[in-house]
């Protein structure tokens, strides 16, 4: 369960990714000597791969974090007295846990941090691989890496950096999933539609449930 306790940090299931040359076993994400664009150990091809993930970052959330409970983990603080260090921004950086895509120290790989253990690894893996390969084919640029604590930035400051928030609820993530033509291209219409139908039903069922919090908060207020 991604967030079993409201006052504790949640459980992630990060995807660590790299590509190798066929037959050679060479890590194509490792920056070669003298050609490290941002000084973080990630090659130009690796940066293009990250850019593809960010291009479809909001849609990918529905596959990475596929439950109502998933989005109770993806918050800055919540009921805790300290930062959650969960990824809530569609951004990348080095050893900075406020980014959704991180390049761990030493480079040579990228890590998508908004995935959790509720995800179907085959579905999520297929989508994130396709997104990264699209970034390589189209020579996309992810922009500069973010090294600061993005939690401390205002919405205006984040917007000035071109950083958008990731979905805050399952409903928002499924809407982004449904709106991105990339998903249909990768999964095909039947699987895309079935996933959307199931997840919309899950969200609606959640809202038909009256929680103990609602009873405690509202039953005697009005």
N, C-alpha and C. Protein backbone atom coordinates (compact mmCIF):
# COMPACT_ATOMS: atom_id res chain seq x y z
N UNK A 1 0.86 -1.19 0.00
CA UNK A 1 0.00 0.00 0.00
C UNK A 1 0.89 1.24 0.00
N UNK A 2 0.72 2.15 -0.93
CA UNK A 2 1.62 3.30 -1.03
C UNK A 2 1.65 4.19 0.21
N UNK A 3 0.50 4.37 0.88
CA UNK A 3 0.44 5.29 2.02
C UNK A 3 -0.42 4.66 3.13
N UNK A 4 0.12 3.71 3.89
CA UNK A 4 -0.68 3.06 4.93
C UNK A 4 -0.89 3.92 6.17
N UNK A 5 -0.02 4.91 6.41
CA UNK A 5 -0.11 5.73 7.61
C UNK A 5 -0.06 7.21 7.23
N UNK A 6 -1.06 7.97 7.68
CA UNK A 6 -1.15 9.38 7.29
C UNK A 6 0.02 10.19 7.81
N UNK A 7 0.56 9.83 8.97
CA UNK A 7 1.62 10.63 9.59
C UNK A 7 3.02 10.06 9.35
N UNK A 8 3.15 9.19 8.35
CA UNK A 8 4.45 8.62 8.00
C UNK A 8 4.68 8.79 6.49
N UNK A 9 5.94 8.74 6.08
CA UNK A 9 6.21 8.77 4.65
C UNK A 9 5.69 7.49 4.01
N UNK A 10 5.44 7.55 2.70
CA UNK A 10 4.85 6.41 1.99
C UNK A 10 5.89 5.46 1.42
N UNK A 11 5.39 4.48 0.69
CA UNK A 11 6.23 3.45 0.08
C UNK A 11 6.31 3.66 -1.43
N UNK A 12 7.50 3.86 -1.94
CA UNK A 12 7.69 3.99 -3.37
C UNK A 12 8.22 2.70 -3.97
N UNK A 13 8.27 2.65 -5.29
CA UNK A 13 8.86 1.51 -6.02
C UNK A 13 9.54 2.10 -7.25
N UNK A 14 10.67 2.73 -7.03
CA UNK A 14 11.31 3.53 -8.07
C UNK A 14 11.76 2.67 -9.25
N UNK A 15 11.66 3.25 -10.45
CA UNK A 15 12.15 2.62 -11.67
C UNK A 15 13.54 3.20 -11.98
N UNK A 16 14.58 2.38 -11.90
CA UNK A 16 15.92 2.80 -12.29
C UNK A 16 16.21 2.29 -13.68
N UNK A 17 16.57 3.20 -14.59
CA UNK A 17 16.64 2.86 -16.02
C UNK A 17 17.94 3.29 -16.66
N UNK A 18 18.42 2.45 -17.56
CA UNK A 18 19.53 2.79 -18.44
C UNK A 18 19.38 1.97 -19.71
N UNK A 19 20.13 2.30 -20.73
CA UNK A 19 20.12 1.54 -21.99
C UNK A 19 21.53 1.07 -22.30
N UNK A 20 21.63 -0.10 -22.91
CA UNK A 20 22.95 -0.61 -23.29
C UNK A 20 22.99 -0.86 -24.79
N UNK A 21 24.17 -0.80 -25.34
CA UNK A 21 24.36 -1.07 -26.76
C UNK A 21 24.23 -2.57 -27.00
N UNK A 22 23.48 -2.94 -28.02
CA UNK A 22 23.24 -4.35 -28.33
C UNK A 22 24.56 -5.08 -28.54
N UNK A 23 24.74 -6.17 -27.79
CA UNK A 23 25.93 -7.00 -27.96
C UNK A 23 27.16 -6.50 -27.24
N UNK A 24 27.22 -5.21 -26.95
CA UNK A 24 28.44 -4.65 -26.35
C UNK A 24 28.33 -4.52 -24.83
N UNK A 25 27.11 -4.35 -24.35
CA UNK A 25 26.92 -4.16 -22.92
C UNK A 25 27.35 -2.81 -22.41
N UNK A 26 27.59 -1.87 -23.31
CA UNK A 26 28.01 -0.52 -22.92
C UNK A 26 26.83 0.28 -22.41
N UNK A 27 26.98 0.93 -21.28
CA UNK A 27 25.92 1.77 -20.73
C UNK A 27 25.85 3.08 -21.51
N UNK A 28 24.81 3.24 -22.30
CA UNK A 28 24.69 4.43 -23.15
C UNK A 28 24.27 5.68 -22.39
N UNK A 29 23.87 5.52 -21.13
CA UNK A 29 23.50 6.67 -20.31
C UNK A 29 24.69 7.26 -19.56
N UNK A 30 25.79 6.55 -19.52
CA UNK A 30 26.97 7.04 -18.81
C UNK A 30 27.66 8.10 -19.66
N UNK A 31 27.84 9.27 -19.10
CA UNK A 31 28.49 10.36 -19.85
C UNK A 31 29.94 10.00 -20.13
N UNK A 32 30.35 10.06 -21.41
CA UNK A 32 31.75 9.77 -21.73
C UNK A 32 32.66 10.87 -21.22
N UNK A 33 33.94 10.59 -21.00
CA UNK A 33 34.87 11.61 -20.53
C UNK A 33 34.87 12.83 -21.45
N UNK A 34 34.76 14.00 -20.85
CA UNK A 34 34.80 15.23 -21.62
C UNK A 34 33.49 15.63 -22.26
N UNK A 35 32.43 14.84 -22.06
CA UNK A 35 31.14 15.17 -22.68
C UNK A 35 30.02 14.88 -21.68
N UNK A 36 29.99 15.69 -20.65
CA UNK A 36 28.97 15.57 -19.58
C UNK A 36 28.23 16.91 -19.53
N UNK A 37 27.14 17.05 -20.32
CA UNK A 37 26.52 18.37 -20.52
C UNK A 37 26.19 19.13 -19.25
N UNK A 38 25.71 18.44 -18.21
CA UNK A 38 25.32 19.13 -16.98
C UNK A 38 26.18 18.75 -15.78
N UNK A 39 27.21 17.96 -16.04
CA UNK A 39 28.08 17.57 -14.94
C UNK A 39 27.43 16.63 -13.94
N UNK A 40 26.45 15.83 -14.40
CA UNK A 40 25.75 14.92 -13.49
C UNK A 40 25.95 13.46 -13.87
N UNK A 41 26.82 13.21 -14.83
CA UNK A 41 27.12 11.84 -15.20
C UNK A 41 26.14 11.20 -16.14
N UNK A 42 25.31 12.02 -16.80
CA UNK A 42 24.32 11.50 -17.73
C UNK A 42 24.65 11.96 -19.15
N UNK A 43 24.69 11.02 -20.08
CA UNK A 43 25.05 11.34 -21.47
C UNK A 43 23.94 12.14 -22.15
N UNK A 44 24.25 12.65 -23.32
CA UNK A 44 23.25 13.38 -24.10
C UNK A 44 22.07 12.48 -24.44
N UNK A 45 22.35 11.22 -24.75
CA UNK A 45 21.27 10.29 -25.04
C UNK A 45 20.41 10.06 -23.81
N UNK A 46 21.06 9.97 -22.66
CA UNK A 46 20.32 9.82 -21.41
C UNK A 46 19.44 11.01 -21.11
N UNK A 47 19.93 12.20 -21.41
CA UNK A 47 19.14 13.42 -21.22
C UNK A 47 17.93 13.43 -22.15
N UNK A 48 18.11 12.97 -23.36
CA UNK A 48 16.97 12.89 -24.29
C UNK A 48 15.92 11.91 -23.77
N UNK A 49 16.37 10.81 -23.21
CA UNK A 49 15.46 9.82 -22.64
C UNK A 49 14.65 10.44 -21.49
N UNK A 50 15.34 11.17 -20.63
CA UNK A 50 14.65 11.86 -19.52
C UNK A 50 13.64 12.86 -20.06
N UNK A 51 14.01 13.58 -21.12
CA UNK A 51 13.09 14.56 -21.71
C UNK A 51 11.81 13.90 -22.20
N UNK A 52 11.93 12.70 -22.76
CA UNK A 52 10.74 11.98 -23.19
C UNK A 52 9.84 11.62 -22.03
N UNK A 53 10.43 11.22 -20.92
CA UNK A 53 9.64 10.90 -19.73
C UNK A 53 8.91 12.14 -19.23
N UNK A 54 9.60 13.27 -19.19
CA UNK A 54 8.98 14.50 -18.71
C UNK A 54 7.88 14.99 -19.64
N UNK A 55 8.06 14.79 -20.95
CA UNK A 55 7.05 15.21 -21.91
C UNK A 55 5.71 14.55 -21.61
N UNK A 56 5.76 13.29 -21.17
CA UNK A 56 4.52 12.55 -20.88
C UNK A 56 4.38 12.27 -19.38
N UNK A 57 5.06 13.08 -18.57
CA UNK A 57 5.11 12.82 -17.14
C UNK A 57 3.76 12.76 -16.45
N UNK A 58 2.86 13.67 -16.80
CA UNK A 58 1.56 13.69 -16.12
C UNK A 58 0.72 12.47 -16.51
N UNK A 59 0.78 12.07 -17.76
CA UNK A 59 0.03 10.89 -18.19
C UNK A 59 0.62 9.62 -17.58
N UNK A 60 1.95 9.54 -17.49
CA UNK A 60 2.59 8.36 -16.93
C UNK A 60 2.20 8.13 -15.47
N UNK A 61 1.81 9.19 -14.78
CA UNK A 61 1.44 9.06 -13.37
C UNK A 61 0.32 8.04 -13.17
N UNK A 62 -0.63 7.97 -14.09
CA UNK A 62 -1.75 7.05 -13.94
C UNK A 62 -1.28 5.60 -13.91
N UNK A 63 -0.21 5.29 -14.63
CA UNK A 63 0.34 3.94 -14.63
C UNK A 63 1.31 3.73 -13.48
N UNK A 64 2.09 4.74 -13.14
CA UNK A 64 3.06 4.64 -12.06
C UNK A 64 2.39 4.60 -10.68
N UNK A 65 1.36 5.41 -10.52
CA UNK A 65 0.68 5.57 -9.23
C UNK A 65 -0.82 5.36 -9.47
N UNK A 66 -1.27 4.09 -9.55
CA UNK A 66 -2.58 3.80 -10.12
C UNK A 66 -3.74 3.64 -9.14
N UNK A 67 -3.57 4.10 -7.89
CA UNK A 67 -4.66 3.94 -6.93
C UNK A 67 -5.01 5.27 -6.28
N UNK A 68 -6.17 5.33 -5.67
CA UNK A 68 -6.55 6.50 -4.89
C UNK A 68 -5.51 6.78 -3.82
N UNK A 69 -5.07 5.73 -3.16
CA UNK A 69 -4.12 5.86 -2.06
C UNK A 69 -2.76 6.37 -2.52
N UNK A 70 -2.41 6.10 -3.78
CA UNK A 70 -1.10 6.52 -4.30
C UNK A 70 -0.88 8.02 -4.12
N UNK A 71 -1.92 8.81 -4.30
CA UNK A 71 -1.78 10.26 -4.30
C UNK A 71 -1.79 10.85 -2.90
N UNK A 72 -2.04 10.00 -1.90
CA UNK A 72 -1.86 10.43 -0.51
C UNK A 72 -0.39 10.33 -0.11
N UNK A 73 0.39 9.61 -0.91
CA UNK A 73 1.85 9.58 -0.73
C UNK A 73 2.51 10.75 -1.44
N UNK A 74 1.96 11.14 -2.60
CA UNK A 74 2.60 12.15 -3.45
C UNK A 74 2.20 13.55 -3.00
N UNK A 75 2.69 13.93 -1.84
CA UNK A 75 2.40 15.24 -1.23
C UNK A 75 3.71 15.81 -0.66
N UNK A 76 3.69 17.10 -0.39
CA UNK A 76 4.89 17.72 0.18
C UNK A 76 5.05 17.39 1.66
N UNK A 77 3.95 17.46 2.41
CA UNK A 77 4.05 17.27 3.85
C UNK A 77 2.86 16.52 4.42
N UNK A 78 1.64 17.04 4.24
CA UNK A 78 0.45 16.38 4.75
C UNK A 78 0.38 16.40 6.26
N UNK A 79 0.00 15.26 6.86
CA UNK A 79 -0.18 15.16 8.31
C UNK A 79 1.14 15.00 9.05
N UNK A 80 2.23 14.90 8.34
CA UNK A 80 3.53 14.72 8.96
C UNK A 80 4.12 16.05 9.39
N UNK A 81 5.03 16.01 10.33
CA UNK A 81 5.70 17.21 10.78
C UNK A 81 6.98 17.48 10.04
N UNK A 82 7.18 16.83 8.91
CA UNK A 82 8.41 16.96 8.14
C UNK A 82 8.09 16.72 6.67
N UNK A 83 8.99 17.09 5.79
CA UNK A 83 8.77 16.89 4.36
C UNK A 83 8.65 15.40 4.04
N UNK A 84 7.79 15.09 3.08
CA UNK A 84 7.62 13.71 2.65
C UNK A 84 8.75 13.25 1.74
N UNK A 85 9.39 14.21 1.02
CA UNK A 85 10.39 13.95 -0.02
C UNK A 85 9.82 13.06 -1.12
N UNK A 86 8.51 13.09 -1.29
CA UNK A 86 7.87 12.39 -2.40
C UNK A 86 7.86 13.32 -3.62
N UNK A 87 7.91 12.77 -4.83
CA UNK A 87 7.97 13.60 -6.04
C UNK A 87 6.59 14.16 -6.39
N UNK A 88 6.49 15.46 -6.43
CA UNK A 88 5.22 16.10 -6.79
C UNK A 88 5.37 17.03 -8.00
N UNK A 89 6.58 17.10 -8.57
CA UNK A 89 6.82 17.98 -9.71
C UNK A 89 7.32 17.18 -10.91
N UNK A 90 6.94 17.62 -12.09
CA UNK A 90 7.39 17.00 -13.34
C UNK A 90 8.72 17.62 -13.72
N UNK A 91 9.79 17.16 -13.07
CA UNK A 91 11.10 17.77 -13.22
C UNK A 91 12.17 16.71 -13.00
N UNK A 92 13.41 17.08 -13.32
CA UNK A 92 14.51 16.14 -13.09
C UNK A 92 15.69 16.87 -12.47
N UNK A 93 16.55 16.11 -11.82
CA UNK A 93 17.73 16.68 -11.21
C UNK A 93 18.66 15.60 -10.72
N UNK A 94 19.61 16.00 -9.90
CA UNK A 94 20.60 15.06 -9.40
C UNK A 94 20.08 14.37 -8.14
N UNK A 95 20.86 14.36 -7.09
CA UNK A 95 20.44 13.68 -5.86
C UNK A 95 19.47 14.57 -5.08
N UNK A 96 18.35 14.86 -5.74
CA UNK A 96 17.36 15.81 -5.23
C UNK A 96 16.00 15.12 -5.26
N UNK A 97 15.50 14.77 -4.11
CA UNK A 97 14.29 13.95 -4.04
C UNK A 97 12.99 14.73 -4.23
N UNK A 98 13.08 16.02 -4.52
CA UNK A 98 11.86 16.75 -4.86
C UNK A 98 11.55 16.68 -6.35
N UNK A 99 12.43 16.08 -7.14
CA UNK A 99 12.18 15.84 -8.56
C UNK A 99 11.52 14.49 -8.77
N UNK A 100 10.70 14.38 -9.81
CA UNK A 100 10.10 13.08 -10.13
C UNK A 100 11.09 12.16 -10.83
N UNK A 101 12.04 12.74 -11.58
CA UNK A 101 13.09 11.95 -12.22
C UNK A 101 14.43 12.41 -11.64
N UNK A 102 15.14 11.47 -11.06
CA UNK A 102 16.40 11.77 -10.39
C UNK A 102 17.54 11.06 -11.10
N UNK A 103 18.69 11.70 -11.15
CA UNK A 103 19.91 11.06 -11.63
C UNK A 103 20.77 10.79 -10.40
N UNK A 104 20.77 9.55 -9.90
CA UNK A 104 21.51 9.26 -8.67
C UNK A 104 22.99 9.58 -8.82
N UNK A 105 23.65 9.78 -7.70
CA UNK A 105 25.06 10.15 -7.70
C UNK A 105 25.88 9.11 -8.47
N UNK A 106 26.75 9.59 -9.32
CA UNK A 106 27.53 8.71 -10.18
C UNK A 106 26.99 8.65 -11.59
N UNK A 107 25.70 9.00 -11.75
CA UNK A 107 25.10 9.05 -13.08
C UNK A 107 24.97 7.68 -13.72
N UNK A 108 24.82 7.69 -15.04
CA UNK A 108 24.69 6.44 -15.78
C UNK A 108 23.32 5.82 -15.74
N UNK A 109 22.37 6.47 -15.10
CA UNK A 109 20.99 5.96 -15.03
C UNK A 109 20.07 7.10 -14.62
N UNK A 110 18.79 6.89 -14.82
CA UNK A 110 17.80 7.82 -14.30
C UNK A 110 16.78 7.02 -13.51
N UNK A 111 16.14 7.69 -12.59
CA UNK A 111 15.23 7.03 -11.66
C UNK A 111 13.89 7.77 -11.64
N UNK A 112 12.83 7.08 -12.05
CA UNK A 112 11.48 7.66 -11.93
C UNK A 112 10.95 7.32 -10.54
N UNK A 113 10.66 8.37 -9.77
CA UNK A 113 10.38 8.19 -8.35
C UNK A 113 8.91 8.22 -7.99
N UNK A 114 8.02 8.50 -8.94
CA UNK A 114 6.60 8.55 -8.57
C UNK A 114 5.90 7.20 -8.68
N UNK A 115 6.62 6.17 -9.12
CA UNK A 115 6.03 4.83 -9.15
C UNK A 115 5.90 4.28 -7.74
N UNK A 116 4.88 3.48 -7.51
CA UNK A 116 4.74 2.80 -6.22
C UNK A 116 4.41 1.33 -6.45
N UNK A 117 4.35 0.56 -5.37
CA UNK A 117 4.23 -0.89 -5.48
C UNK A 117 2.85 -1.36 -5.95
N UNK A 118 1.91 -0.44 -6.09
CA UNK A 118 0.59 -0.81 -6.62
C UNK A 118 0.58 -0.86 -8.14
N UNK A 119 1.65 -0.40 -8.78
CA UNK A 119 1.65 -0.32 -10.24
C UNK A 119 1.82 -1.70 -10.88
N UNK A 120 1.31 -1.83 -12.10
CA UNK A 120 1.60 -3.00 -12.93
C UNK A 120 2.94 -2.72 -13.61
N UNK A 121 4.01 -3.43 -13.25
CA UNK A 121 5.33 -3.07 -13.79
C UNK A 121 5.45 -3.25 -15.30
N UNK A 122 4.64 -4.13 -15.88
CA UNK A 122 4.70 -4.33 -17.33
C UNK A 122 4.06 -3.15 -18.05
N UNK A 123 2.92 -2.70 -17.55
CA UNK A 123 2.24 -1.55 -18.15
C UNK A 123 3.07 -0.29 -17.98
N UNK A 124 3.49 -0.02 -16.73
CA UNK A 124 4.27 1.18 -16.46
C UNK A 124 5.61 1.14 -17.19
N UNK A 125 6.25 -0.03 -17.20
CA UNK A 125 7.54 -0.17 -17.87
C UNK A 125 7.45 0.06 -19.37
N UNK A 126 6.39 -0.48 -19.99
CA UNK A 126 6.21 -0.28 -21.43
C UNK A 126 6.03 1.20 -21.76
N UNK A 127 5.24 1.90 -20.95
CA UNK A 127 4.95 3.30 -21.22
C UNK A 127 6.18 4.19 -21.01
N UNK A 128 6.91 3.96 -19.91
CA UNK A 128 8.06 4.83 -19.65
C UNK A 128 9.18 4.56 -20.63
N UNK A 129 9.36 3.30 -21.06
CA UNK A 129 10.36 3.01 -22.07
C UNK A 129 10.00 3.68 -23.40
N UNK A 130 8.74 3.59 -23.79
CA UNK A 130 8.30 4.22 -25.04
C UNK A 130 8.47 5.73 -24.97
N UNK A 131 8.18 6.32 -23.81
CA UNK A 131 8.34 7.77 -23.65
C UNK A 131 9.81 8.17 -23.78
N UNK A 132 10.69 7.41 -23.13
CA UNK A 132 12.12 7.71 -23.21
C UNK A 132 12.67 7.57 -24.62
N UNK A 133 12.25 6.51 -25.31
CA UNK A 133 12.72 6.30 -26.68
C UNK A 133 12.20 7.39 -27.62
N UNK A 134 10.99 7.87 -27.36
CA UNK A 134 10.48 9.00 -28.15
C UNK A 134 11.37 10.22 -27.95
N UNK A 135 11.80 10.44 -26.71
CA UNK A 135 12.69 11.57 -26.45
C UNK A 135 13.99 11.47 -27.22
N UNK A 136 14.50 10.22 -27.36
CA UNK A 136 15.73 10.02 -28.14
C UNK A 136 15.48 10.26 -29.62
N UNK A 137 14.40 9.68 -30.15
CA UNK A 137 14.10 9.83 -31.58
C UNK A 137 13.91 11.29 -31.96
N UNK A 138 13.26 12.05 -31.10
CA UNK A 138 12.93 13.44 -31.41
C UNK A 138 13.96 14.42 -30.88
N UNK A 139 15.05 13.90 -30.31
CA UNK A 139 16.15 14.73 -29.83
C UNK A 139 15.64 15.81 -28.86
N UNK A 140 14.84 15.38 -27.89
CA UNK A 140 14.25 16.32 -26.94
C UNK A 140 15.27 16.76 -25.89
N UNK A 141 15.02 17.92 -25.33
CA UNK A 141 15.91 18.51 -24.31
C UNK A 141 15.12 18.68 -23.01
N UNK A 142 15.60 18.10 -21.90
CA UNK A 142 14.85 18.24 -20.65
C UNK A 142 15.09 19.57 -19.95
N UNK A 143 15.97 20.41 -20.49
CA UNK A 143 16.31 21.65 -19.82
C UNK A 143 17.33 21.40 -18.72
N UNK A 144 17.61 22.42 -17.92
CA UNK A 144 18.62 22.27 -16.87
C UNK A 144 18.10 21.41 -15.71
N UNK A 145 18.98 20.66 -15.06
CA UNK A 145 18.55 19.88 -13.88
C UNK A 145 18.25 20.80 -12.70
N UNK A 146 17.33 20.38 -11.86
CA UNK A 146 16.95 21.15 -10.69
C UNK A 146 17.67 20.58 -9.47
N UNK A 147 18.45 21.42 -8.81
CA UNK A 147 19.25 20.96 -7.67
C UNK A 147 18.74 21.48 -6.33
N UNK A 148 17.77 22.40 -6.36
CA UNK A 148 17.29 23.01 -5.12
C UNK A 148 16.03 22.31 -4.62
N UNK A 149 15.67 22.58 -3.38
CA UNK A 149 14.46 22.03 -2.78
C UNK A 149 13.25 22.72 -3.40
N UNK A 150 12.59 22.05 -4.33
CA UNK A 150 11.48 22.66 -5.05
C UNK A 150 10.26 22.85 -4.17
N UNK A 151 10.18 22.16 -3.06
CA UNK A 151 9.07 22.35 -2.12
C UNK A 151 8.98 23.79 -1.63
N UNK A 152 10.13 24.47 -1.59
CA UNK A 152 10.19 25.80 -1.01
C UNK A 152 9.90 26.92 -2.01
N UNK A 153 9.63 26.54 -3.26
CA UNK A 153 9.34 27.53 -4.30
C UNK A 153 7.83 27.78 -4.38
N UNK A 154 7.46 29.01 -4.70
CA UNK A 154 6.05 29.34 -4.92
C UNK A 154 5.62 28.81 -6.29
N UNK A 155 4.30 28.79 -6.50
CA UNK A 155 3.79 28.36 -7.80
C UNK A 155 4.33 29.25 -8.92
N UNK A 156 4.43 30.55 -8.65
CA UNK A 156 4.93 31.48 -9.67
C UNK A 156 6.40 31.21 -9.98
N UNK A 157 7.18 30.91 -8.96
CA UNK A 157 8.60 30.62 -9.16
C UNK A 157 8.79 29.32 -9.93
N UNK A 158 7.96 28.33 -9.63
CA UNK A 158 8.03 27.06 -10.36
C UNK A 158 7.66 27.27 -11.83
N UNK A 159 6.60 28.04 -12.06
CA UNK A 159 6.15 28.31 -13.43
C UNK A 159 7.24 29.04 -14.21
N UNK A 160 7.96 29.94 -13.55
CA UNK A 160 9.03 30.68 -14.21
C UNK A 160 10.15 29.75 -14.65
N UNK A 161 10.32 28.65 -13.96
CA UNK A 161 11.33 27.66 -14.31
C UNK A 161 10.78 26.62 -15.30
N UNK A 162 9.50 26.73 -15.65
CA UNK A 162 8.90 25.77 -16.56
C UNK A 162 8.57 24.45 -15.92
N UNK A 163 8.39 24.45 -14.59
CA UNK A 163 8.12 23.22 -13.86
C UNK A 163 6.62 23.14 -13.54
N UNK A 164 5.98 22.06 -13.98
CA UNK A 164 4.56 21.88 -13.71
C UNK A 164 4.37 20.83 -12.63
N UNK A 165 3.28 20.94 -11.86
CA UNK A 165 3.02 19.92 -10.84
C UNK A 165 2.51 18.63 -11.48
N UNK A 166 2.77 17.54 -10.82
CA UNK A 166 2.19 16.27 -11.23
C UNK A 166 0.76 16.18 -10.70
N UNK A 167 -0.06 15.28 -11.23
CA UNK A 167 -1.44 15.16 -10.75
C UNK A 167 -1.51 14.95 -9.24
N UNK A 168 -2.53 15.54 -8.63
CA UNK A 168 -2.71 15.45 -7.18
C UNK A 168 -3.70 14.36 -6.78
N UNK A 169 -4.45 13.83 -7.74
CA UNK A 169 -5.42 12.77 -7.45
C UNK A 169 -5.40 11.75 -8.58
N UNK A 170 -5.98 10.59 -8.31
CA UNK A 170 -6.11 9.59 -9.36
C UNK A 170 -6.96 10.11 -10.51
N UNK A 171 -8.01 10.85 -10.20
CA UNK A 171 -8.88 11.39 -11.25
C UNK A 171 -8.09 12.31 -12.19
N UNK A 172 -7.25 13.15 -11.61
CA UNK A 172 -6.45 14.08 -12.43
C UNK A 172 -5.44 13.31 -13.28
N UNK A 173 -4.84 12.26 -12.71
CA UNK A 173 -3.88 11.46 -13.46
C UNK A 173 -4.54 10.72 -14.61
N UNK A 174 -5.71 10.15 -14.37
CA UNK A 174 -6.42 9.42 -15.42
C UNK A 174 -6.86 10.36 -16.53
N UNK A 175 -7.24 11.59 -16.17
CA UNK A 175 -7.61 12.58 -17.19
C UNK A 175 -6.40 12.91 -18.07
N UNK A 176 -5.22 13.05 -17.47
CA UNK A 176 -4.01 13.31 -18.25
C UNK A 176 -3.66 12.11 -19.13
N UNK A 177 -3.84 10.92 -18.61
CA UNK A 177 -3.62 9.68 -19.35
C UNK A 177 -4.54 9.62 -20.57
N UNK A 178 -5.81 9.96 -20.36
CA UNK A 178 -6.79 9.91 -21.44
C UNK A 178 -6.55 10.98 -22.50
N UNK A 179 -5.96 12.11 -22.10
CA UNK A 179 -5.78 13.23 -23.02
C UNK A 179 -4.51 13.14 -23.85
N UNK A 180 -3.61 12.20 -23.51
CA UNK A 180 -2.32 12.13 -24.20
C UNK A 180 -2.38 11.10 -25.32
N UNK A 181 -2.32 11.50 -26.60
CA UNK A 181 -2.38 10.55 -27.73
C UNK A 181 -1.27 9.51 -27.69
N UNK A 182 -0.19 9.83 -27.03
CA UNK A 182 0.94 8.90 -26.89
C UNK A 182 0.50 7.57 -26.28
N UNK A 183 -0.42 7.62 -25.32
CA UNK A 183 -0.86 6.41 -24.62
C UNK A 183 -1.54 5.45 -25.59
N UNK A 184 -2.43 5.97 -26.40
CA UNK A 184 -3.11 5.13 -27.39
C UNK A 184 -2.11 4.54 -28.38
N UNK A 185 -1.13 5.33 -28.78
CA UNK A 185 -0.13 4.87 -29.73
C UNK A 185 0.67 3.70 -29.17
N UNK A 186 0.97 3.74 -27.88
CA UNK A 186 1.80 2.70 -27.26
C UNK A 186 0.97 1.48 -26.88
N UNK A 187 -0.18 1.69 -26.27
CA UNK A 187 -0.96 0.57 -25.72
C UNK A 187 -2.03 0.05 -26.67
N UNK A 188 -2.44 0.87 -27.63
CA UNK A 188 -3.59 0.52 -28.46
C UNK A 188 -4.88 0.97 -27.80
N UNK A 189 -5.91 1.13 -28.61
CA UNK A 189 -7.18 1.66 -28.11
C UNK A 189 -7.85 0.77 -27.06
N UNK A 190 -7.95 -0.56 -27.27
CA UNK A 190 -8.69 -1.38 -26.29
C UNK A 190 -8.08 -1.35 -24.89
N UNK A 191 -6.76 -1.51 -24.77
CA UNK A 191 -6.12 -1.52 -23.46
C UNK A 191 -6.20 -0.14 -22.81
N UNK A 192 -5.96 0.91 -23.60
CA UNK A 192 -6.10 2.26 -23.08
C UNK A 192 -7.48 2.49 -22.50
N UNK A 193 -8.51 2.15 -23.28
CA UNK A 193 -9.88 2.39 -22.84
C UNK A 193 -10.25 1.57 -21.60
N UNK A 194 -9.77 0.32 -21.55
CA UNK A 194 -10.09 -0.53 -20.40
C UNK A 194 -9.45 0.01 -19.13
N UNK A 195 -8.22 0.46 -19.24
CA UNK A 195 -7.54 1.04 -18.08
C UNK A 195 -8.29 2.28 -17.58
N UNK A 196 -8.68 3.15 -18.50
CA UNK A 196 -9.41 4.36 -18.12
C UNK A 196 -10.73 4.01 -17.46
N UNK A 197 -11.46 3.06 -18.03
CA UNK A 197 -12.75 2.65 -17.47
C UNK A 197 -12.58 2.12 -16.04
N UNK A 198 -11.59 1.26 -15.84
CA UNK A 198 -11.37 0.67 -14.51
C UNK A 198 -10.98 1.73 -13.49
N UNK A 199 -10.11 2.63 -13.88
CA UNK A 199 -9.62 3.63 -12.92
C UNK A 199 -10.65 4.71 -12.64
N UNK A 200 -11.46 5.05 -13.61
CA UNK A 200 -12.55 5.99 -13.34
C UNK A 200 -13.57 5.37 -12.40
N UNK A 201 -13.83 4.07 -12.56
CA UNK A 201 -14.76 3.37 -11.66
C UNK A 201 -14.20 3.32 -10.24
N UNK A 202 -12.88 3.13 -10.14
CA UNK A 202 -12.24 3.10 -8.82
C UNK A 202 -12.39 4.45 -8.12
N UNK A 203 -12.18 5.53 -8.87
CA UNK A 203 -12.31 6.87 -8.30
C UNK A 203 -13.75 7.15 -7.86
N UNK A 204 -14.70 6.75 -8.69
CA UNK A 204 -16.11 6.98 -8.35
C UNK A 204 -16.52 6.16 -7.12
N UNK A 205 -16.04 4.92 -7.03
CA UNK A 205 -16.35 4.08 -5.87
C UNK A 205 -15.79 4.70 -4.59
N UNK A 206 -14.61 5.28 -4.69
CA UNK A 206 -14.01 5.97 -3.54
C UNK A 206 -14.91 7.09 -3.04
N UNK A 207 -15.49 7.85 -3.98
CA UNK A 207 -16.33 8.98 -3.59
C UNK A 207 -17.72 8.56 -3.13
N UNK A 208 -18.10 7.34 -3.38
CA UNK A 208 -19.37 6.84 -2.85
C UNK A 208 -19.23 6.32 -1.42
N UNK A 209 -18.00 6.23 -0.94
CA UNK A 209 -17.74 5.74 0.41
C UNK A 209 -17.72 6.91 1.39
N UNK A 210 -18.48 6.79 2.47
CA UNK A 210 -18.47 7.80 3.53
C UNK A 210 -17.42 7.38 4.57
N UNK A 211 -16.40 8.20 4.71
CA UNK A 211 -15.28 7.84 5.59
C UNK A 211 -15.56 8.25 7.03
N UNK A 212 -14.77 7.70 7.94
CA UNK A 212 -14.89 8.06 9.35
C UNK A 212 -14.54 9.53 9.56
N UNK A 213 -13.60 10.04 8.76
CA UNK A 213 -13.25 11.46 8.86
C UNK A 213 -14.46 12.34 8.59
N UNK A 214 -15.26 12.00 7.59
CA UNK A 214 -16.45 12.80 7.27
C UNK A 214 -17.46 12.76 8.41
N UNK A 215 -17.64 11.60 8.98
CA UNK A 215 -18.58 11.47 10.10
C UNK A 215 -18.10 12.30 11.29
N UNK A 216 -16.80 12.16 11.62
CA UNK A 216 -16.25 12.90 12.76
C UNK A 216 -16.28 14.40 12.53
N UNK A 217 -16.08 14.82 11.29
CA UNK A 217 -15.99 16.25 11.00
C UNK A 217 -17.34 16.92 10.82
N UNK A 218 -18.29 16.23 10.16
CA UNK A 218 -19.52 16.89 9.74
C UNK A 218 -20.79 16.48 10.48
N UNK A 219 -20.81 15.33 11.11
CA UNK A 219 -22.07 14.79 11.62
C UNK A 219 -22.76 15.73 12.61
N UNK A 220 -22.00 16.46 13.40
CA UNK A 220 -22.59 17.34 14.40
C UNK A 220 -22.33 18.82 14.15
N UNK A 221 -21.79 19.13 12.97
CA UNK A 221 -21.42 20.52 12.73
C UNK A 221 -22.60 21.37 12.30
N UNK A 222 -23.55 20.81 11.52
CA UNK A 222 -24.60 21.63 10.93
C UNK A 222 -25.95 21.36 11.59
